[in-house]
Amino acid sequence: MLEQIVEMFPFLTLKNVLIYALIINIIGFLSMYIDKKKAQKGAWRIPEKELILITMLGGWIGTFSGMKLFRHKTQKPKFSIGIPVIMILEIIGIVYILIK
């Protein structure tokens, strides 16, 4: 199955996937930091749906790390439960693709 995916999308090299993962996780981490700082100042905030979208696009390590490090959104079930659920589902999907 993995070979079929790579044949369909030849740009999906290991290097490109790792670069994407690094970038999306940096974006997730910085988004949590920026949103926390804006919340402290009472300024415009990053919409929650955008933070969740970043997580769903593979940035779960960054958003989860930012959430814990900055103590941001930890009281909201959408984040305290939702992000770990997204993480687990994405890990299951990755493992499934790799073993098929």
Protein backbone atom coordinates (compact mmCIF):
# COMPACT_ATOMS: atom_id res chain seq x y z
CA MET A 1 0.00 0.00 0.00
CA LEU A 2 2.82 2.40 0.85
CA GLU A 3 4.41 1.75 -2.54
CA GLN A 4 1.10 2.60 -4.25
CA ILE A 5 0.87 5.89 -2.38
CA VAL A 6 4.45 6.78 -3.33
CA GLU A 7 3.76 5.89 -6.97
CA MET A 8 0.68 8.13 -6.98
CA PHE A 9 2.54 10.99 -5.32
CA PRO A 10 6.24 10.85 -6.27
CA PHE A 11 7.02 14.00 -4.25
CA LEU A 12 6.26 12.03 -1.05
CA THR A 13 9.86 11.21 -0.30
CA LEU A 14 10.97 10.59 3.25
CA LYS A 15 12.92 13.86 3.18
CA ASN A 16 9.88 15.88 2.05
CA VAL A 17 7.59 14.23 4.61
CA LEU A 18 10.08 14.99 7.41
CA ILE A 19 10.46 18.60 6.26
CA TYR A 20 6.66 18.98 6.19
CA ALA A 21 6.33 17.41 9.66
CA LEU A 22 8.96 19.76 11.06
CA ILE A 23 7.35 22.86 9.54
CA ILE A 24 3.75 22.01 10.55
CA ASN A 25 4.84 21.24 14.10
CA ILE A 26 6.77 24.50 14.39
CA ILE A 27 3.65 26.29 13.15
CA GLY A 28 1.55 24.44 15.74
CA PHE A 29 3.94 25.29 18.57
CA LEU A 30 4.23 28.94 17.58
CA SER A 31 0.47 29.23 17.12
CA MET A 32 -0.11 28.14 20.70
CA TYR A 33 2.55 30.57 21.91
CA ILE A 34 1.16 33.49 19.90
CA ASP A 35 -2.42 32.74 20.95
CA LYS A 36 -1.40 32.57 24.62
CA LYS A 37 0.41 35.92 24.42
CA LYS A 38 -2.54 37.52 22.64
CA ALA A 39 -4.92 36.12 25.27
CA GLN A 40 -2.81 37.68 28.03
CA LYS A 41 -3.01 41.06 26.29
CA GLY A 42 -6.71 40.77 25.46
CA ALA A 43 -5.89 41.10 21.77
CA TRP A 44 -7.20 39.34 18.66
CA ARG A 45 -6.90 35.57 18.99
CA ILE A 46 -6.19 32.70 16.64
CA PRO A 47 -9.54 30.93 16.08
CA GLU A 48 -9.81 27.56 17.81
CA LYS A 49 -10.77 25.87 14.55
CA GLU A 50 -7.42 26.95 13.07
CA LEU A 51 -5.51 25.49 16.02
CA ILE A 52 -7.43 22.23 15.62
CA LEU A 53 -6.81 22.27 11.84
CA ILE A 54 -3.06 22.63 12.38
CA THR A 55 -3.25 19.65 14.73
CA MET A 56 -5.18 17.58 12.18
CA LEU A 57 -2.69 18.45 9.43
CA GLY A 58 0.03 16.70 11.39
CA GLY A 59 1.07 19.42 13.82
CA TRP A 60 -0.07 17.52 16.90
CA ILE A 61 3.38 17.32 18.47
CA GLY A 62 3.81 21.08 18.22
CA THR A 63 0.31 22.04 19.35
CA PHE A 64 0.31 19.52 22.21
CA SER A 65 3.79 20.64 23.33
CA GLY A 66 2.75 24.28 23.14
CA MET A 67 -0.46 23.58 25.01
CA LYS A 68 1.43 21.91 27.86
CA LEU A 69 4.46 24.22 27.95
CA PHE A 70 2.47 27.47 27.85
CA ARG A 71 -0.46 26.06 29.87
CA HIS A 72 -2.77 27.22 27.12
CA LYS A 73 -6.20 25.76 26.38
CA THR A 74 -5.60 22.99 28.95
CA GLN A 75 -8.99 23.52 30.60
CA LYS A 76 -10.95 23.21 27.35
CA PRO A 77 -12.08 19.64 26.60
CA LYS A 78 -11.86 20.40 22.87
CA PHE A 79 -8.11 20.65 23.40
CA SER A 80 -7.35 18.60 26.51
CA ILE A 81 -9.21 15.60 25.06
CA GLY A 82 -9.38 16.47 21.36
CA ILE A 83 -5.68 16.89 20.66
CA PRO A 84 -4.66 13.59 22.30
CA VAL A 85 -7.47 11.82 20.38
CA ILE A 86 -6.22 13.33 17.10
CA MET A 87 -2.68 12.24 18.03
CA ILE A 88 -3.76 8.66 18.68
CA LEU A 89 -5.82 8.46 15.49
CA GLU A 90 -2.98 9.82 13.38
CA ILE A 91 -0.46 7.43 14.95
CA ILE A 92 -2.83 4.52 14.27
CA GLY A 93 -3.17 5.71 10.66
CA ILE A 94 0.58 5.99 10.19
CA VAL A 95 1.18 2.54 11.68
CA TYR A 96 -1.58 1.08 9.50
CA ILE A 97 -0.05 2.55 6.34
CA LEU A 98 3.42 1.35 7.30
CA ILE A 99 2.44 -2.25 8.07
CA LYS A 100 0.12 -2.74 5.09
